[in-house]
């Protein structure tokens, strides 16, 4: 069993089955993935609201692969076990109508999170436990073309709820 490393870049925001694999692995091979945030590195610690509003929204949802799994065929069910996720002490959220945050509490369309180990204290006096997750996971779509990462389907997609 070989251990593989997949660097954070290049990342892209579109699914495209015609891309060459960045890694070729055997079933059960562990992969250490380094990732940028969902903005593909546009967001940064203590970013201003003006800079947030100027981000290129077409670059949102950083995809890392593709990873080719030897022996896997279309229609196979893949079991992916995420062994650990580590954050880099900060994060950000887009806030607004239809994005899940109560509009009466958050008046600006952006919120910066300071992460402290296993909790966030940015909503003081509340302490919010952290439960990191992979925002977008999936396999190549059956159709040829370039597709946004957000809409889910049989191939996977954006998965913002992590159940324990």
Protein backbone atom coordinates (compact mmCIF):
# COMPACT_ATOMS: atom_id res chain seq x y z
CA UNK A 1 0.00 0.00 0.00
CA UNK A 2 1.46 3.34 -1.09
CA UNK A 3 0.73 6.67 0.57
CA UNK A 4 0.10 9.60 -1.79
CA UNK A 5 0.14 13.39 -1.41
CA UNK A 6 -2.06 15.72 -3.45
CA UNK A 7 -0.99 19.37 -3.27
CA UNK A 8 -3.48 22.21 -2.90
CA UNK A 9 -2.77 23.60 -6.36
CA UNK A 10 -3.74 23.55 -9.06
CA UNK A 11 -7.37 23.68 -8.01
CA UNK A 12 -10.29 24.37 -10.29
CA UNK A 13 -13.99 25.14 -9.90
CA UNK A 14 -15.51 23.00 -12.64
CA UNK A 15 -16.02 19.24 -12.95
CA UNK A 16 -14.65 17.93 -16.24
CA UNK A 17 -14.29 14.22 -16.94
CA UNK A 18 -11.77 14.87 -19.74
CA UNK A 19 -9.07 16.06 -17.30
CA UNK A 20 -6.01 13.86 -16.79
CA UNK A 21 -5.73 12.39 -13.27
CA UNK A 22 -3.46 14.22 -10.84
CA UNK A 23 -2.94 10.92 -8.99
CA UNK A 24 -3.32 7.23 -9.82
CA UNK A 25 -3.90 5.09 -6.76
CA UNK A 26 -4.78 1.52 -5.82
CA UNK A 27 -7.86 0.73 -3.76
CA UNK A 28 -7.22 1.43 -0.04
CA UNK A 29 -4.19 3.66 -0.70
CA UNK A 30 -4.25 6.61 1.71
CA UNK A 31 -4.09 10.10 0.19
CA UNK A 32 -3.01 13.19 2.15
CA UNK A 33 -4.72 16.16 0.50
CA UNK A 34 -3.68 19.74 1.10
CA UNK A 35 -6.50 22.15 0.30
CA UNK A 36 -7.11 25.84 -0.14
CA UNK A 37 -10.38 27.36 1.07
CA UNK A 38 -13.45 27.23 -1.14
CA UNK A 39 -12.55 30.58 -2.74
CA UNK A 40 -9.42 28.97 -4.25
CA UNK A 41 -7.20 31.23 -2.17
CA UNK A 42 -8.95 34.53 -2.83
CA UNK A 43 -10.07 34.85 0.80
CA UNK A 44 -7.51 35.62 3.46
CA UNK A 45 -7.35 36.20 7.19
CA UNK A 46 -9.04 39.47 8.22
CA UNK A 47 -10.22 40.21 4.66
CA UNK A 48 -12.25 43.41 4.30
CA UNK A 49 -15.87 43.43 3.19
CA UNK A 50 -14.91 45.33 0.01
CA UNK A 51 -12.36 42.66 -0.93
CA UNK A 52 -14.88 39.91 -0.16
CA UNK A 53 -17.46 41.52 -2.47
CA UNK A 54 -14.81 41.77 -5.23
CA UNK A 55 -13.98 38.04 -5.20
CA UNK A 56 -14.46 36.17 -8.46
CA UNK A 57 -17.49 33.97 -7.67
CA UNK A 58 -16.71 31.79 -10.71
CA UNK A 59 -13.66 30.50 -8.80
CA UNK A 60 -15.70 29.31 -5.77
CA UNK A 61 -15.54 25.61 -4.80
CA UNK A 62 -11.93 24.45 -5.13
CA UNK A 63 -11.73 20.94 -6.59
CA UNK A 64 -8.54 18.92 -6.08
CA UNK A 65 -8.61 15.88 -8.39
CA UNK A 66 -9.15 14.00 -10.39
CA UNK A 67 -7.77 10.90 -8.68
CA UNK A 68 -7.85 7.71 -10.72
CA UNK A 69 -8.51 4.52 -8.73
CA UNK A 70 -7.05 1.46 -10.44
CA UNK A 71 -9.72 -1.14 -11.16
CA UNK A 72 -12.70 1.17 -10.49
CA UNK A 73 -15.31 1.22 -13.23
CA UNK A 74 -18.40 3.35 -13.97
CA UNK A 75 -21.25 2.18 -11.75
CA UNK A 76 -18.99 0.96 -8.93
CA UNK A 77 -19.73 2.18 -5.41
CA UNK A 78 -16.68 3.84 -3.84
CA UNK A 79 -16.15 3.95 -0.10
CA UNK A 80 -14.05 6.98 0.88
CA UNK A 81 -13.02 7.20 4.51
CA UNK A 82 -11.95 10.68 5.65
CA UNK A 83 -9.48 9.96 8.45
CA UNK A 84 -8.77 13.51 9.63
CA UNK A 85 -9.41 17.14 8.74
CA UNK A 86 -7.30 20.00 10.09
CA UNK A 87 -8.12 23.70 9.79
CA UNK A 88 -5.72 26.61 9.51
CA UNK A 89 -7.08 28.72 12.45
CA UNK A 90 -9.49 30.86 10.42
CA UNK A 91 -12.36 30.56 8.00
CA UNK A 92 -15.06 32.62 6.32
CA UNK A 93 -18.72 32.35 5.42
CA UNK A 94 -20.90 34.11 2.90
CA UNK A 95 -23.95 35.40 4.72
CA UNK A 96 -27.22 36.39 3.13
CA UNK A 97 -30.72 35.53 2.14
CA UNK A 98 -31.05 31.85 1.42
CA UNK A 99 -27.59 30.97 2.75
CA UNK A 100 -28.66 29.66 6.17
CA UNK A 101 -27.71 32.47 8.55
CA UNK A 102 -30.42 34.55 10.25
CA UNK A 103 -30.47 37.90 8.46
CA UNK A 104 -31.41 39.82 11.61
CA UNK A 105 -28.13 38.79 13.33
CA UNK A 106 -25.76 39.19 10.36
CA UNK A 107 -26.13 42.43 8.42
CA UNK A 108 -23.01 42.12 6.23
CA UNK A 109 -22.72 39.48 3.45
CA UNK A 110 -19.48 38.05 4.88
CA UNK A 111 -18.31 36.71 8.21
CA UNK A 112 -14.77 35.91 9.35
CA UNK A 113 -14.29 33.04 11.81
CA UNK A 114 -11.37 32.74 14.25
CA UNK A 115 -10.90 29.03 14.99
CA UNK A 116 -9.39 27.92 18.29
CA UNK A 117 -8.58 24.21 18.28
CA UNK A 118 -11.93 22.39 18.40
CA UNK A 119 -14.10 25.51 18.90
CA UNK A 120 -14.88 28.93 17.45
CA UNK A 121 -15.30 31.93 19.75
CA UNK A 122 -16.22 34.45 17.02
CA UNK A 123 -19.88 34.59 18.14
CA UNK A 124 -19.05 35.61 21.71
CA UNK A 125 -20.41 34.89 24.22
CA UNK A 126 -21.34 31.67 22.39
CA UNK A 127 -18.70 28.99 21.88
CA UNK A 128 -19.39 26.96 18.74
CA UNK A 129 -17.91 23.45 18.51
CA UNK A 130 -16.15 22.78 15.21
CA UNK A 131 -17.07 19.81 13.06
CA UNK A 132 -14.96 20.13 9.87
CA UNK A 133 -16.08 18.41 6.69
CA UNK A 134 -15.18 18.17 3.02
CA UNK A 135 -17.47 20.64 1.27
CA UNK A 136 -17.45 19.02 -2.18
CA UNK A 137 -16.74 15.35 -2.90
CA UNK A 138 -17.60 13.17 -5.85
CA UNK A 139 -16.62 11.26 -8.92
CA UNK A 140 -16.55 12.22 -12.59
CA UNK A 141 -19.96 12.92 -14.08
CA UNK A 142 -21.12 10.58 -16.86
CA UNK A 143 -21.67 13.49 -19.27
CA UNK A 144 -18.92 15.23 -21.20
CA UNK A 145 -18.53 18.93 -20.48
CA UNK A 146 -17.62 21.39 -17.76
CA UNK A 147 -19.97 21.59 -14.77
CA UNK A 148 -20.14 23.77 -11.64
CA UNK A 149 -19.29 21.89 -8.44
CA UNK A 150 -22.21 23.06 -6.30
CA UNK A 151 -25.25 21.20 -7.71
CA UNK A 152 -25.26 17.64 -6.29
CA UNK A 153 -26.17 14.56 -8.28
CA UNK A 154 -25.47 10.83 -8.56
CA UNK A 155 -21.77 11.75 -8.83
CA UNK A 156 -21.68 13.55 -5.43
CA UNK A 157 -21.44 17.29 -5.02
CA UNK A 158 -21.59 19.99 -2.36
CA UNK A 159 -22.18 18.37 1.03
CA UNK A 160 -22.36 21.06 3.70
CA UNK A 161 -23.91 18.91 6.41
CA UNK A 162 -21.72 16.50 8.29
CA UNK A 163 -23.49 13.96 10.45
CA UNK A 164 -21.62 12.28 13.27
